[in-house]
Amino acid sequence: MDTIFILWCCNDASGIWTKIIPPVGIKESAIENSTFKVYPNPSDDLVKIWNDNDLEVSYSVLSIDGKTLLSGTGSEIDTQSLTNGIYLLVLSSQNGIQQRQKLIIQH
């Protein structure tokens, strides 16, 4: 995600002055604290899923508008059928842990 700064410029009798307004937002959860690791991300044809409990993982790949494009179980996702873009990856383990994260596809 890109960071956008706002530059505000004004001119009054004493001269020109500027003010830079820093970005405000919510940070994404830290990857290193995740139960699941997804790599490579961005990906082109195959995404691998690692989880720290070696449990079976169910996955769903959703489009931005919420449609399920791929789903299944296992430690690999074949993404060749997806077009370039950003998707939502939903991962669930047998013990009920669920995680959502962005998945970027670049062929």
Protein backbone atom coordinates (compact mmCIF):
# COMPACT_ATOMS: atom_id res chain seq x y z
CA MET A 1 0.00 0.00 0.00
CA ASP A 2 1.28 3.47 -0.85
CA THR A 3 1.69 6.21 1.73
CA ILE A 4 0.20 9.55 0.77
CA PHE A 5 1.24 12.82 2.37
CA ILE A 6 -0.77 16.02 2.06
CA LEU A 7 1.15 19.21 1.33
CA TRP A 8 -0.69 22.38 2.21
CA CYS A 9 0.66 25.68 0.85
CA CYS A 10 -0.58 29.16 1.71
CA ASN A 11 0.41 32.69 0.79
CA ASP A 12 -0.27 35.63 3.07
CA ALA A 13 1.23 39.08 3.65
CA SER A 14 4.26 37.63 5.45
CA GLY A 15 5.15 35.18 2.68
CA ILE A 16 4.52 31.61 1.60
CA TRP A 17 4.40 28.83 4.16
CA THR A 18 3.76 25.12 3.89
CA LYS A 19 2.56 22.41 6.19
CA ILE A 20 2.94 18.67 5.61
CA ILE A 21 0.18 16.54 7.10
CA PRO A 22 1.37 12.99 7.88
CA PRO A 23 -0.79 10.01 6.93
CA VAL A 24 -3.32 8.63 9.38
CA GLY A 25 -4.60 5.08 9.29
CA ILE A 26 -4.74 1.64 10.78
CA LYS A 27 -1.72 -0.60 10.43
CA GLU A 28 -2.15 -4.15 9.23
CA SER A 29 -1.42 -6.85 11.79
CA ALA A 30 2.23 -7.82 11.92
CA ILE A 31 3.05 -10.84 9.78
CA GLU A 32 5.55 -12.17 12.30
CA ASN A 33 2.72 -12.61 14.86
CA SER A 34 0.56 -14.58 12.44
CA THR A 35 -0.41 -18.20 12.93
CA PHE A 36 -0.11 -18.75 9.16
CA LYS A 37 2.66 -17.69 6.81
CA VAL A 38 1.86 -17.26 3.11
CA TYR A 39 4.70 -17.07 0.61
CA PRO A 40 5.63 -15.82 -1.86
CA ASN A 41 3.38 -12.80 -1.71
CA PRO A 42 3.20 -11.28 -4.33
CA SER A 43 2.93 -14.55 -6.20
CA ASP A 44 2.62 -15.64 -9.81
CA ASP A 45 1.50 -19.27 -9.96
CA LEU A 46 1.81 -21.09 -6.62
CA VAL A 47 1.29 -19.89 -3.05
CA LYS A 48 2.49 -21.95 -0.11
CA ILE A 49 0.88 -21.91 3.32
CA TRP A 50 2.80 -22.67 6.50
CA ASN A 51 1.25 -22.89 9.94
CA ASP A 52 3.04 -23.28 13.23
CA ASN A 53 0.86 -26.20 14.41
CA ASP A 54 1.11 -28.41 11.29
CA LEU A 55 -2.69 -28.65 11.19
CA GLU A 56 -4.69 -29.04 7.99
CA VAL A 57 -5.52 -25.63 6.55
CA SER A 58 -8.66 -24.66 4.64
CA TYR A 59 -8.41 -21.64 2.35
CA SER A 60 -10.65 -19.38 0.31
CA VAL A 61 -9.48 -16.76 -2.17
CA LEU A 62 -12.01 -13.96 -2.49
CA SER A 63 -12.26 -11.16 -5.03
CA ILE A 64 -12.50 -7.57 -3.83
CA ASP A 65 -16.30 -7.76 -4.14
CA GLY A 66 -16.42 -10.86 -1.89
CA LYS A 67 -16.93 -13.63 -4.45
CA THR A 68 -15.16 -16.92 -3.71
CA LEU A 69 -12.82 -17.65 -6.62
CA LEU A 70 -10.82 -20.57 -5.18
CA SER A 71 -11.24 -22.76 -2.11
CA GLY A 72 -9.79 -25.98 -0.78
CA THR A 73 -7.52 -27.54 1.80
CA GLY A 74 -3.79 -28.10 1.90
CA SER A 75 -0.52 -26.23 2.02
CA GLU A 76 -0.43 -24.98 -1.60
CA ILE A 77 -2.75 -22.84 -3.73
CA ASP A 78 -2.50 -22.90 -7.53
CA THR A 79 -3.14 -19.28 -8.54
CA GLN A 80 -2.54 -19.60 -12.30
CA SER A 81 -6.26 -19.11 -13.01
CA LEU A 82 -6.33 -15.74 -11.21
CA THR A 83 -5.72 -12.49 -13.06
CA ASN A 84 -3.26 -9.90 -11.78
CA GLY A 85 -4.68 -8.06 -8.80
CA ILE A 86 -5.31 -7.98 -5.08
CA TYR A 87 -7.40 -10.68 -3.40
CA LEU A 88 -8.48 -11.55 0.13
CA LEU A 89 -7.10 -14.85 1.40
CA VAL A 90 -9.06 -16.46 4.25
CA LEU A 91 -7.24 -19.27 6.10
CA SER A 92 -8.77 -21.56 8.73
CA SER A 93 -7.20 -24.36 10.76
CA GLN A 94 -8.79 -27.44 12.33
CA ASN A 95 -8.61 -25.87 15.78
CA GLY A 96 -10.76 -22.90 14.71
CA ILE A 97 -8.08 -20.27 14.15
CA GLN A 98 -8.93 -18.01 11.23
CA GLN A 99 -6.78 -15.39 9.54
CA ARG A 100 -7.43 -12.98 6.68
CA GLN A 101 -4.77 -11.24 4.61
CA LYS A 102 -4.14 -9.64 1.25
CA LEU A 103 -2.88 -11.85 -1.55
CA ILE A 104 -1.25 -10.12 -4.52
CA ILE A 105 -1.05 -11.92 -7.87
CA GLN A 106 1.46 -10.71 -10.48
CA HIS A 107 1.98 -12.98 -13.51
